[in-house]
C-alpha cells in the first residue's frame, strides 16, 4: 500500500521515483474528457444558434487552440518535477503567487460542485438512493481516490478512457440511427458571432486545465521528451473533448427539446433500458469521477502551495494531506447541494467568469518559462521569499491585473457583458485578449530582469536541456 499511496505533494519528485512514459498523458486526458459536461459544452454551441456544421468546426478550432496552451503547460512537468501552480512563484514571487492561486482554488471547488451534481444524478439512479445521497456518495469516493494520489489517478484514466470510449462509440451509433447526419450538417449558413462562441466554449474548456495539467506529468522521468509530453497530452485532451462535444452538438441539433436540460436522461435513454441503462449511468459517473478527482487533486495542490508560500514548508504529512483534501470535498459538496436546483445554472456562469482570471496567468507562465527563463528555474528559490524570485513581484502582478482588465470589454457572461460584445454580435473573445495582452506586456517588461532570469545550472537539480525540439 505504501507504494500506491502518494507521498509527495508540492516538493520536487526525485529522479529515483520517476516512472512511466509520455503515453500515460494520452490515456489520462482522453478519459478525463469523455464525460457528460463536455457533451453539454458542445451542445451549447448549437443551443445558442450555430448550425451543427459550423458548430463542430468552431469547437475543433477552439479545442486545438486551447489544447496547445494546455499541453505547453504539461510539458513543464518532467523538466521540473513540480506541480503546475508552484512555478507561478517564479513569475509572481513566493508570496505573490497566492493571487492567482486563490482564484484557482475557487474555480476547482466550483468544478467539483457542478460535476458532482451531474454525477450525483447518475449515482442516485444507479443505486436507487436519490440525487442528494448520490452527490454525497460520489464526493466521498472522489476524495478517497484523490488522497491515494498519482498512480490511482492515472490508472482510473486508463480505465475510464477505454470504458467511456466504447460507450461513446455506441451512443454515437444509436444517435445516428435516430437522426440523419447529412440532414444535421446540411445547414451551412455561417454566422460569425455564434461561430466565435463555439470556438470560445471549447478553448475555455481546454484553458481551464492549465493550472494543474503538469501535476500529472511531473512523475515522468526527467529525460522524457518535452515534445512527446506535449503531443500525447494534446492528442488525448483534444480528441476526448472534441469527441464528447461532437456528440453533444449533434444531439442538440437532432432533438433540442428532448436533450437540453435532460442531458443525463437523454443519453441513457438513447442507449437503452434495463442493464444497458444501468451501465450507461455507471459510464456517466465514471467519466465525472475521473475529472472530479483531477479537480480535487488540483485544488489540494493549489491550497498547499498557497499555505506553504507563507509557512515555508515543502513537505506534507499523510494526516495533513487528508485534511486538505477533506476540506476541498466538504466545500465542493456543500456548493453542489446548494446548487443542485436552479442555482447551478448561475454558478456555471460564475465559473466561466472565473476563467477570465486564468488566461493572463497562462500567458505569463508560458512566456516566462519558454521565452525568458529558457526552461530553467532555480528550484530552491521557489520556496525562499528572500531568494531570486522575491516575495512579491509587483511588475508581474500589475501585468496580470492589466490582462484581466483588458478582457472586460469583450466579456459576455450573466455577471458582466462588455461594451464591445454587441459590435461582435454577442461573441465572447475575451480569452484571446487575455492571452495576447499579458503575453506581450510581460515579455516586454520582464526580459530586462537578468538577475531573476539567470538561474544557475547547479540550481536546476542537474536538469539537462529537453525542450520541445528534443
Protein backbone atom coordinates (compact mmCIF):
# COMPACT_ATOMS: atom_id res chain seq x y z
CA UNK A 1 0.00 0.00 0.00
CA UNK A 2 2.93 2.31 0.73
CA UNK A 3 3.93 2.12 -2.93
CA UNK A 4 0.42 3.05 -4.04
CA UNK A 5 -0.43 5.98 -1.76
CA UNK A 6 1.42 9.09 -2.92
CA UNK A 7 3.94 10.63 -0.50
CA UNK A 8 4.82 13.79 -2.41
CA UNK A 9 2.82 16.97 -2.66
CA UNK A 10 4.48 20.21 -3.80
CA UNK A 11 8.06 19.03 -3.27
CA UNK A 12 10.27 18.03 -6.20
CA UNK A 13 9.82 14.41 -7.30
CA UNK A 14 13.27 12.76 -7.02
CA UNK A 15 14.70 11.10 -10.12
CA UNK A 16 14.66 7.71 -8.39
CA UNK A 17 10.86 7.89 -8.05
CA UNK A 18 10.10 8.97 -11.61
CA UNK A 19 8.32 6.40 -13.77
CA UNK A 20 6.08 5.90 -16.77
CA UNK A 21 6.08 7.24 -20.30
CA UNK A 22 4.51 10.19 -22.09
CA UNK A 23 1.77 7.91 -23.47
CA UNK A 24 0.21 7.99 -19.98
CA UNK A 25 -0.80 11.59 -20.66
CA UNK A 26 -2.92 10.47 -23.61
CA UNK A 27 -4.92 7.90 -21.65
CA UNK A 28 -5.44 10.23 -18.68
CA UNK A 29 -6.68 13.20 -20.69
CA UNK A 30 -8.77 11.07 -23.05
CA UNK A 31 -10.57 9.58 -20.04
CA UNK A 32 -10.94 12.98 -18.38
CA UNK A 33 -12.67 14.47 -21.44
CA UNK A 34 -15.03 11.65 -22.41
CA UNK A 35 -17.69 12.82 -19.98
CA UNK A 36 -21.09 14.42 -19.69
CA UNK A 37 -20.02 18.02 -19.01
CA UNK A 38 -18.01 18.10 -22.24
CA UNK A 39 -21.08 16.76 -24.04
CA UNK A 40 -23.16 19.61 -22.59
CA UNK A 41 -20.49 22.15 -23.57
CA UNK A 42 -20.65 21.02 -27.20
CA UNK A 43 -24.43 21.20 -27.15
CA UNK A 44 -24.32 24.83 -26.02
CA UNK A 45 -22.80 25.87 -29.35
CA UNK A 46 -25.95 24.65 -31.11
CA UNK A 47 -28.34 25.83 -28.41
CA UNK A 48 -27.07 29.39 -28.83
CA UNK A 49 -27.71 29.39 -32.57
CA UNK A 50 -24.92 27.75 -34.54
CA UNK A 51 -25.76 25.11 -37.12
CA UNK A 52 -24.22 21.72 -36.43
CA UNK A 53 -21.71 22.02 -39.31
CA UNK A 54 -20.10 25.30 -38.22
CA UNK A 55 -20.51 24.42 -34.54
CA UNK A 56 -18.31 21.34 -34.99
CA UNK A 57 -15.67 23.31 -36.89
CA UNK A 58 -15.68 26.07 -34.28
CA UNK A 59 -15.43 23.57 -31.43
CA UNK A 60 -12.50 21.86 -33.15
CA UNK A 61 -10.67 25.14 -33.69
CA UNK A 62 -11.15 26.12 -30.05
CA UNK A 63 -10.01 22.73 -28.80
CA UNK A 64 -6.86 22.93 -30.92
CA UNK A 65 -6.01 26.47 -29.81
CA UNK A 66 -6.80 25.90 -26.14
CA UNK A 67 -5.27 22.43 -26.20
CA UNK A 68 -1.99 23.88 -27.44
CA UNK A 69 -1.77 26.18 -24.42
CA UNK A 70 -2.78 23.37 -22.08
CA UNK A 71 -0.20 20.93 -23.49
CA UNK A 72 2.58 23.51 -23.27
CA UNK A 73 1.94 23.58 -19.52
CA UNK A 74 2.03 19.78 -19.40
CA UNK A 75 5.49 19.71 -20.99
CA UNK A 76 6.87 21.53 -17.93
CA UNK A 77 6.17 18.55 -15.65
CA UNK A 78 9.04 16.15 -16.48
CA UNK A 79 11.50 19.02 -16.73
CA UNK A 80 10.83 20.47 -13.29
CA UNK A 81 9.25 17.61 -11.31
CA UNK A 82 6.90 20.12 -9.69
CA UNK A 83 3.13 20.67 -9.64
CA UNK A 84 1.93 23.36 -12.00
CA UNK A 85 0.98 26.28 -9.78
CA UNK A 86 4.16 26.34 -7.68
CA UNK A 87 6.05 27.51 -10.79
CA UNK A 88 3.95 30.69 -10.59
CA UNK A 89 6.28 31.77 -7.80
CA UNK A 90 8.98 32.35 -10.44
CA UNK A 91 6.76 34.96 -12.06
CA UNK A 92 4.77 36.49 -9.19
CA UNK A 93 7.04 35.89 -6.20
CA UNK A 94 6.81 33.30 -3.44
CA UNK A 95 4.01 35.19 -1.72
CA UNK A 96 2.60 36.95 -4.78
CA UNK A 97 1.65 33.62 -6.42
CA UNK A 98 -1.18 33.35 -3.90
CA UNK A 99 -3.19 35.87 -6.00
CA UNK A 100 -3.88 33.56 -8.97
CA UNK A 101 -3.80 30.55 -6.64
CA UNK A 102 -6.77 31.77 -4.59
CA UNK A 103 -8.87 32.06 -7.74
CA UNK A 104 -7.74 28.64 -8.95
CA UNK A 105 -8.91 27.07 -5.69
CA UNK A 106 -12.33 28.69 -6.01
CA UNK A 107 -12.66 27.52 -9.60
CA UNK A 108 -11.80 23.90 -8.87
CA UNK A 109 -14.17 23.77 -5.91
CA UNK A 110 -16.79 25.07 -8.33
CA UNK A 111 -15.99 22.49 -10.97
CA UNK A 112 -16.10 19.80 -8.27
CA UNK A 113 -19.56 21.02 -7.30
CA UNK A 114 -21.04 21.24 -10.79
CA UNK A 115 -19.60 17.85 -11.71
CA UNK A 116 -20.96 16.29 -8.53
CA UNK A 117 -24.49 17.41 -9.41
CA UNK A 118 -24.46 15.67 -12.80
CA UNK A 119 -22.69 12.59 -11.43
CA UNK A 120 -24.96 12.56 -8.37
CA UNK A 121 -27.95 12.19 -10.67
CA UNK A 122 -26.36 9.14 -12.30
CA UNK A 123 -25.24 7.61 -8.99
CA UNK A 124 -28.67 8.25 -7.48
CA UNK A 125 -30.36 6.43 -10.37
CA UNK A 126 -27.80 3.62 -10.33
CA UNK A 127 -28.08 2.97 -6.59
CA UNK A 128 -31.75 3.99 -6.24
CA UNK A 129 -30.73 6.25 -3.35
CA UNK A 130 -31.82 9.51 -4.92
CA UNK A 131 -29.93 12.62 -6.04
CA UNK A 132 -28.72 14.04 -2.71
CA UNK A 133 -27.27 10.78 -1.34
CA UNK A 134 -25.81 10.21 -4.80
CA UNK A 135 -23.96 13.53 -4.65
CA UNK A 136 -22.59 12.79 -1.17
CA UNK A 137 -21.51 9.25 -2.09
CA UNK A 138 -19.85 10.44 -5.29
CA UNK A 139 -17.98 13.20 -3.42
CA UNK A 140 -16.70 10.75 -0.80
CA UNK A 141 -15.35 8.32 -3.43
CA UNK A 142 -13.70 11.24 -5.23
CA UNK A 143 -11.92 12.38 -2.06
CA UNK A 144 -10.61 8.89 -1.25
CA UNK A 145 -9.21 8.44 -4.75
CA UNK A 146 -7.59 11.90 -4.68
CA UNK A 147 -5.97 11.07 -1.32
CA UNK A 148 -4.40 7.92 -2.79
CA UNK A 149 -2.95 10.13 -5.48
CA UNK A 150 -0.99 9.99 -8.68
CA UNK A 151 -0.86 6.27 -9.52
CA UNK A 152 -4.57 5.66 -8.92
CA UNK A 153 -5.46 8.79 -10.90
CA UNK A 154 -3.57 7.52 -13.96
CA UNK A 155 -4.99 4.00 -13.56
CA UNK A 156 -8.50 5.41 -13.41
CA UNK A 157 -7.77 7.50 -16.50
CA UNK A 158 -6.84 4.35 -18.44
CA UNK A 159 -9.97 2.52 -17.33
CA UNK A 160 -12.26 5.49 -17.99
CA UNK A 161 -10.65 6.13 -21.36
CA UNK A 162 -11.39 2.58 -22.52
CA UNK A 163 -14.85 2.17 -20.97
CA UNK A 164 -16.10 5.63 -21.91
CA UNK A 165 -14.71 5.37 -25.45
CA UNK A 166 -16.65 2.14 -26.04
CA UNK A 167 -19.80 3.69 -24.57
CA UNK A 168 -19.47 6.86 -26.63
CA UNK A 169 -18.99 4.86 -29.84
CA UNK A 170 -22.19 3.00 -29.02
CA UNK A 171 -24.09 6.21 -28.18
CA UNK A 172 -22.88 7.81 -31.40
CA UNK A 173 -24.16 4.87 -33.42
CA UNK A 174 -27.52 5.00 -31.62
CA UNK A 175 -27.79 8.73 -32.26
CA UNK A 176 -27.12 8.31 -35.98
CA UNK A 177 -29.75 5.58 -36.13
CA UNK A 178 -32.29 8.13 -34.95
CA UNK A 179 -31.07 11.16 -36.88
CA UNK A 180 -29.91 11.77 -40.44
CA UNK A 181 -26.31 13.01 -40.23
CA UNK A 182 -26.46 14.57 -43.71
CA UNK A 183 -29.60 16.47 -42.72
CA UNK A 184 -27.97 17.66 -39.46
CA UNK A 185 -24.96 19.01 -41.37
CA UNK A 186 -26.98 20.41 -44.27
CA UNK A 187 -27.33 23.91 -42.84
CA UNK A 188 -24.08 25.66 -43.91
CA UNK A 189 -25.22 29.18 -43.01
CA UNK A 190 -22.30 30.96 -41.36
CA UNK A 191 -22.71 33.43 -38.51
CA UNK A 192 -19.51 34.90 -37.11
CA UNK A 193 -20.81 35.57 -33.56
CA UNK A 194 -22.11 32.04 -32.96
CA UNK A 195 -19.03 30.57 -34.64
CA UNK A 196 -16.78 32.54 -32.29
CA UNK A 197 -18.95 31.39 -29.39
CA UNK A 198 -18.29 27.76 -30.34
CA UNK A 199 -14.56 28.49 -30.52
CA UNK A 200 -14.64 30.20 -27.13
CA UNK A 201 -16.59 27.39 -25.46
CA UNK A 202 -14.07 24.71 -26.37
CA UNK A 203 -10.99 26.93 -25.94
CA UNK A 204 -12.13 27.87 -22.44
CA UNK A 205 -12.69 24.20 -21.67
CA UNK A 206 -9.06 23.44 -22.51
CA UNK A 207 -7.63 26.53 -20.81
CA UNK A 208 -9.28 25.50 -17.54
CA UNK A 209 -6.88 22.53 -17.33
CA UNK A 210 -3.83 24.81 -17.47
CA UNK A 211 -3.39 25.45 -13.74
CA UNK A 212 -2.96 21.76 -12.91
CA UNK A 213 -2.00 19.82 -16.04
CA UNK A 214 1.71 19.47 -15.09
CA UNK A 215 0.63 17.88 -11.79
CA UNK A 216 0.04 14.70 -13.80
CA UNK A 217 3.25 14.73 -15.85
CA UNK A 218 5.71 15.62 -13.07
CA UNK A 219 6.45 11.97 -12.22
CA UNK A 220 7.66 11.20 -15.74
CA UNK A 221 11.43 10.58 -15.97
CA UNK A 222 13.45 13.75 -16.44
CA UNK A 223 14.75 12.55 -19.82
CA UNK A 224 11.18 12.29 -21.18
CA UNK A 225 10.97 14.31 -24.37
CA UNK A 226 9.02 17.53 -23.90
CA UNK A 227 7.80 17.12 -27.46
CA UNK A 228 6.34 13.69 -26.64
CA UNK A 229 4.73 15.00 -23.45
CA UNK A 230 3.21 17.88 -25.39
CA UNK A 231 1.79 15.81 -28.23
CA UNK A 232 0.43 12.94 -26.12
CA UNK A 233 -1.29 15.42 -23.78
CA UNK A 234 -2.61 17.46 -26.71
CA UNK A 235 -3.90 14.38 -28.54
CA UNK A 236 -5.70 12.92 -25.53
CA UNK A 237 -7.33 16.15 -24.46
CA UNK A 238 -8.33 17.40 -27.91
CA UNK A 239 -9.58 14.01 -29.14
CA UNK A 240 -11.55 13.33 -25.95
CA UNK A 241 -13.15 16.76 -25.74
CA UNK A 242 -13.94 17.03 -29.47
CA UNK A 243 -15.48 13.56 -29.41
CA UNK A 244 -17.72 14.45 -26.46
CA UNK A 245 -18.61 17.89 -27.80
CA UNK A 246 -19.48 16.45 -31.22
CA UNK A 247 -21.91 14.05 -29.58
CA UNK A 248 -23.46 16.94 -27.67
CA UNK A 249 -23.72 19.24 -30.68
CA UNK A 250 -25.35 16.56 -32.84
CA UNK A 251 -27.74 15.54 -30.05
CA UNK A 252 -28.79 19.16 -29.51
CA UNK A 253 -29.31 19.62 -33.26
CA UNK A 254 -31.26 16.36 -33.61
CA UNK A 255 -33.54 16.68 -30.57
CA UNK A 256 -33.17 20.06 -28.84
CA UNK A 257 -36.32 19.76 -26.72
CA UNK A 258 -35.52 16.25 -25.52
CA UNK A 259 -31.81 16.84 -24.88
CA UNK A 260 -31.44 20.34 -23.42
CA UNK A 261 -32.00 20.29 -19.67
CA UNK A 262 -32.28 16.49 -19.61
CA UNK A 263 -28.78 15.55 -20.77
CA UNK A 264 -28.18 12.57 -18.49
CA UNK A 265 -31.63 11.09 -19.08
CA UNK A 266 -31.41 11.65 -22.84
CA UNK A 267 -28.07 9.89 -23.23
CA UNK A 268 -29.17 6.94 -21.11
CA UNK A 269 -32.48 6.72 -22.98
CA UNK A 270 -30.57 6.87 -26.25
CA UNK A 271 -28.65 3.78 -25.25
CA UNK A 272 -31.42 1.55 -23.99
CA UNK A 273 -33.13 0.27 -20.84
CA UNK A 274 -32.55 -2.26 -18.09
CA UNK A 275 -28.96 -3.41 -17.60
CA UNK A 276 -27.79 -1.30 -20.52
CA UNK A 277 -29.25 1.82 -18.90
CA UNK A 278 -27.53 0.94 -15.63
CA UNK A 279 -24.24 0.54 -17.48
CA UNK A 280 -24.63 3.98 -19.07
CA UNK A 281 -25.38 5.57 -15.71
CA UNK A 282 -22.17 3.93 -14.50
CA UNK A 283 -20.26 5.32 -17.50
CA UNK A 284 -21.51 8.84 -16.80
CA UNK A 285 -20.50 8.54 -13.16
CA UNK A 286 -17.10 7.08 -14.10
CA UNK A 287 -16.37 9.89 -16.54
CA UNK A 288 -17.26 12.53 -13.97
CA UNK A 289 -15.29 10.68 -11.28
CA UNK A 290 -12.13 10.95 -13.39
CA UNK A 291 -12.38 14.69 -13.92
CA UNK A 292 -13.61 15.40 -10.39
CA UNK A 293 -10.58 13.62 -8.93
CA UNK A 294 -8.40 15.90 -11.05
CA UNK A 295 -10.29 18.93 -9.72
CA UNK A 296 -9.93 17.71 -6.12
CA UNK A 297 -6.25 16.88 -6.50
CA UNK A 298 -5.54 20.15 -8.31
CA UNK A 299 -7.41 22.13 -5.67
CA UNK A 300 -5.46 20.33 -2.96
CA UNK A 301 -2.13 21.12 -4.66
CA UNK A 302 -3.07 24.77 -5.10
CA UNK A 303 -4.18 25.09 -1.48
CA UNK A 304 -0.94 23.53 -0.19
CA UNK A 305 1.09 25.80 -2.49
CA UNK A 306 -0.71 28.87 -1.14
CA UNK A 307 -0.22 27.97 2.52
CA UNK A 308 3.37 26.78 2.13
CA UNK A 309 4.37 30.05 0.45
CA UNK A 310 3.91 31.77 3.80
CA UNK A 311 4.85 28.89 6.13
CA UNK A 312 7.96 27.84 4.19
CA UNK A 313 7.21 24.09 4.31
CA UNK A 314 7.67 21.87 1.24
CA UNK A 315 6.54 18.50 2.66
CA UNK A 316 3.18 17.37 3.97
CA UNK A 317 2.25 14.58 6.39
CA UNK A 318 -0.37 11.96 5.39
CA UNK A 319 -2.72 13.44 8.00
CA UNK A 320 -2.25 16.92 6.57
CA UNK A 321 -2.86 15.61 3.06
CA UNK A 322 -6.16 14.04 4.11
CA UNK A 323 -7.20 17.23 5.92
CA UNK A 324 -6.62 19.41 2.86
CA UNK A 325 -8.48 17.02 0.56
CA UNK A 326 -11.36 16.70 3.04
CA UNK A 327 -11.65 20.48 3.09
CA UNK A 328 -11.91 20.61 -0.70
CA UNK A 329 -14.51 17.81 -0.65
CA UNK A 330 -16.66 19.41 2.05
CA UNK A 331 -16.64 22.80 0.35
CA UNK A 332 -17.41 21.32 -3.09
CA UNK A 333 -20.17 19.08 -1.75
CA UNK A 334 -21.81 21.95 0.13
CA UNK A 335 -21.90 24.06 -3.03
CA UNK A 336 -23.23 21.08 -5.02
CA UNK A 337 -26.09 20.51 -2.58
CA UNK A 338 -26.95 24.20 -2.57
CA UNK A 339 -26.75 24.42 -6.35
CA UNK A 340 -28.36 21.18 -7.47
CA UNK A 341 -31.53 23.00 -8.50
CA UNK A 342 -31.86 26.46 -10.04
CA UNK A 343 -28.64 27.89 -8.55
CA UNK A 344 -26.42 25.62 -10.62
CA UNK A 345 -27.04 27.48 -13.89
CA UNK A 346 -25.88 30.78 -12.40
CA UNK A 347 -22.95 29.06 -10.77
CA UNK A 348 -21.76 27.74 -14.13
CA UNK A 349 -21.76 31.34 -15.38
CA UNK A 350 -19.67 32.25 -12.36
CA UNK A 351 -17.16 29.52 -13.20
CA UNK A 352 -16.86 30.79 -16.77
CA UNK A 353 -16.34 34.29 -15.39
CA UNK A 354 -13.50 32.96 -13.25
CA UNK A 355 -11.75 31.74 -16.40
CA UNK A 356 -11.11 35.41 -17.16
CA UNK A 357 -8.50 35.32 -14.40
CA UNK A 358 -6.62 32.26 -15.73
CA UNK A 359 -5.83 33.18 -19.32
CA UNK A 360 -3.47 36.00 -18.19
CA UNK A 361 -1.83 33.55 -15.79
CA UNK A 362 -1.28 31.05 -18.61
CA UNK A 363 0.19 33.73 -20.87
CA UNK A 364 2.61 34.98 -18.21
CA UNK A 365 3.65 31.49 -17.12
CA UNK A 366 4.34 30.25 -20.66
CA UNK A 367 6.19 33.38 -21.80
CA UNK A 368 8.36 33.28 -18.69
CA UNK A 369 9.12 29.55 -18.88
CA UNK A 370 9.73 29.12 -22.60
CA UNK A 371 10.89 32.53 -23.84
CA UNK A 372 12.59 34.22 -20.89
CA UNK A 373 13.81 31.58 -18.43
CA UNK A 374 14.52 29.10 -21.26
CA UNK A 375 13.01 26.20 -19.26
CA UNK A 376 15.35 26.78 -16.30
CA UNK A 377 14.17 27.66 -12.81
CA UNK A 378 16.10 27.98 -9.55
CA UNK A 379 14.12 25.31 -7.70
CA UNK A 380 15.28 26.12 -4.11
CA UNK A 381 14.48 29.81 -4.69
CA UNK A 382 10.83 28.90 -5.35
CA UNK A 383 10.47 28.37 -1.58
CA UNK A 384 12.60 31.32 -0.40
CA UNK A 385 10.90 34.75 -0.20
CA UNK A 386 14.36 36.31 0.21
CA UNK A 387 15.74 34.48 -2.83
CA UNK A 388 15.96 35.16 -6.55
CA UNK A 389 12.23 35.44 -7.14
CA UNK A 390 11.43 37.50 -4.05
CA UNK A 391 8.24 37.61 -2.01
CA UNK A 392 6.13 39.80 -4.32
CA UNK A 393 6.80 40.63 -7.98
CA UNK A 394 4.72 43.78 -8.35
CA UNK A 395 5.58 44.14 -12.03
CA UNK A 396 4.17 40.70 -12.87
CA UNK A 397 1.12 41.26 -10.67
CA UNK A 398 0.45 44.56 -12.46
CA UNK A 399 0.66 42.85 -15.86
CA UNK A 400 -1.68 40.15 -14.58
CA UNK A 401 -4.19 42.79 -13.44
CA UNK A 402 -3.98 44.58 -16.80
CA UNK A 403 -4.54 41.25 -18.54
CA UNK A 404 -7.74 40.74 -16.56
CA UNK A 405 -8.97 44.29 -17.13
CA UNK A 406 -8.25 44.14 -20.86
CA UNK A 407 -10.74 41.27 -21.20
CA UNK A 408 -13.69 43.02 -19.57
CA UNK A 409 -14.84 44.96 -22.68
CA UNK A 410 -15.03 41.64 -24.57
CA UNK A 411 -16.57 39.53 -21.83
CA UNK A 412 -20.09 38.11 -22.25
CA UNK A 413 -21.48 36.36 -19.16
CA UNK A 414 -24.52 36.69 -16.95
CA UNK A 415 -22.30 38.56 -14.48
CA UNK A 416 -20.72 41.01 -16.89
CA UNK A 417 -21.21 42.00 -20.52
CA UNK A 418 -18.64 44.33 -22.03
CA UNK A 419 -19.35 47.22 -24.43
CA UNK A 420 -17.52 45.54 -27.33
CA UNK A 421 -19.62 42.35 -27.17
CA UNK A 422 -22.57 43.83 -29.09
CA UNK A 423 -20.45 45.01 -32.07
CA UNK A 424 -19.16 41.44 -32.30
CA UNK A 425 -22.71 40.12 -32.41
CA UNK A 426 -22.63 38.81 -28.85
CA UNK A 427 -19.46 36.74 -29.22
CA UNK A 428 -17.09 36.43 -26.27
CA UNK A 429 -13.47 36.65 -27.45
CA UNK A 430 -12.10 37.75 -24.08
CA UNK A 431 -9.86 34.67 -23.82
CA UNK A 432 -7.91 35.76 -26.92
CA UNK A 433 -7.34 39.18 -25.40
CA UNK A 434 -6.44 37.56 -22.08
CA UNK A 435 -3.68 35.58 -23.75
CA UNK A 436 -2.27 38.23 -26.10
CA UNK A 437 -2.15 41.37 -23.94
CA UNK A 438 -0.34 39.99 -20.86
CA UNK A 439 1.99 37.88 -23.04
CA UNK A 440 3.28 40.94 -24.87
CA UNK A 441 3.39 43.16 -21.79
CA UNK A 442 5.16 40.60 -19.63
CA UNK A 443 7.74 39.79 -22.28
CA UNK A 444 8.49 43.48 -22.81
CA UNK A 445 8.89 44.24 -19.10
CA UNK A 446 10.40 41.04 -17.66
CA UNK A 447 13.08 40.34 -20.30
CA UNK A 448 15.30 43.03 -18.76
CA UNK A 449 15.28 41.38 -15.34
CA UNK A 450 18.55 39.49 -15.86
CA UNK A 451 19.15 38.84 -12.15
CA UNK A 452 15.90 36.89 -11.88
CA UNK A 453 16.27 35.04 -15.19
CA UNK A 454 19.88 33.89 -14.89
CA UNK A 455 19.19 30.76 -12.85
CA UNK A 456 22.46 28.85 -12.31
CA UNK A 457 22.66 25.35 -13.78
CA UNK A 458 23.51 23.95 -10.36
CA UNK A 459 20.15 25.10 -9.04
CA UNK A 460 18.28 23.14 -11.67
CA UNK A 461 18.61 19.82 -9.90
CA UNK A 462 21.02 18.54 -12.57
CA UNK A 463 18.48 19.21 -15.30
CA UNK A 464 19.59 18.90 -18.90
CA UNK A 465 18.03 20.61 -21.88
CA UNK A 466 14.88 18.83 -23.04
CA UNK A 467 12.94 21.45 -24.91
CA UNK A 468 10.16 20.96 -27.40
CA UNK A 469 12.75 20.27 -30.05
CA UNK A 470 14.11 17.28 -28.06
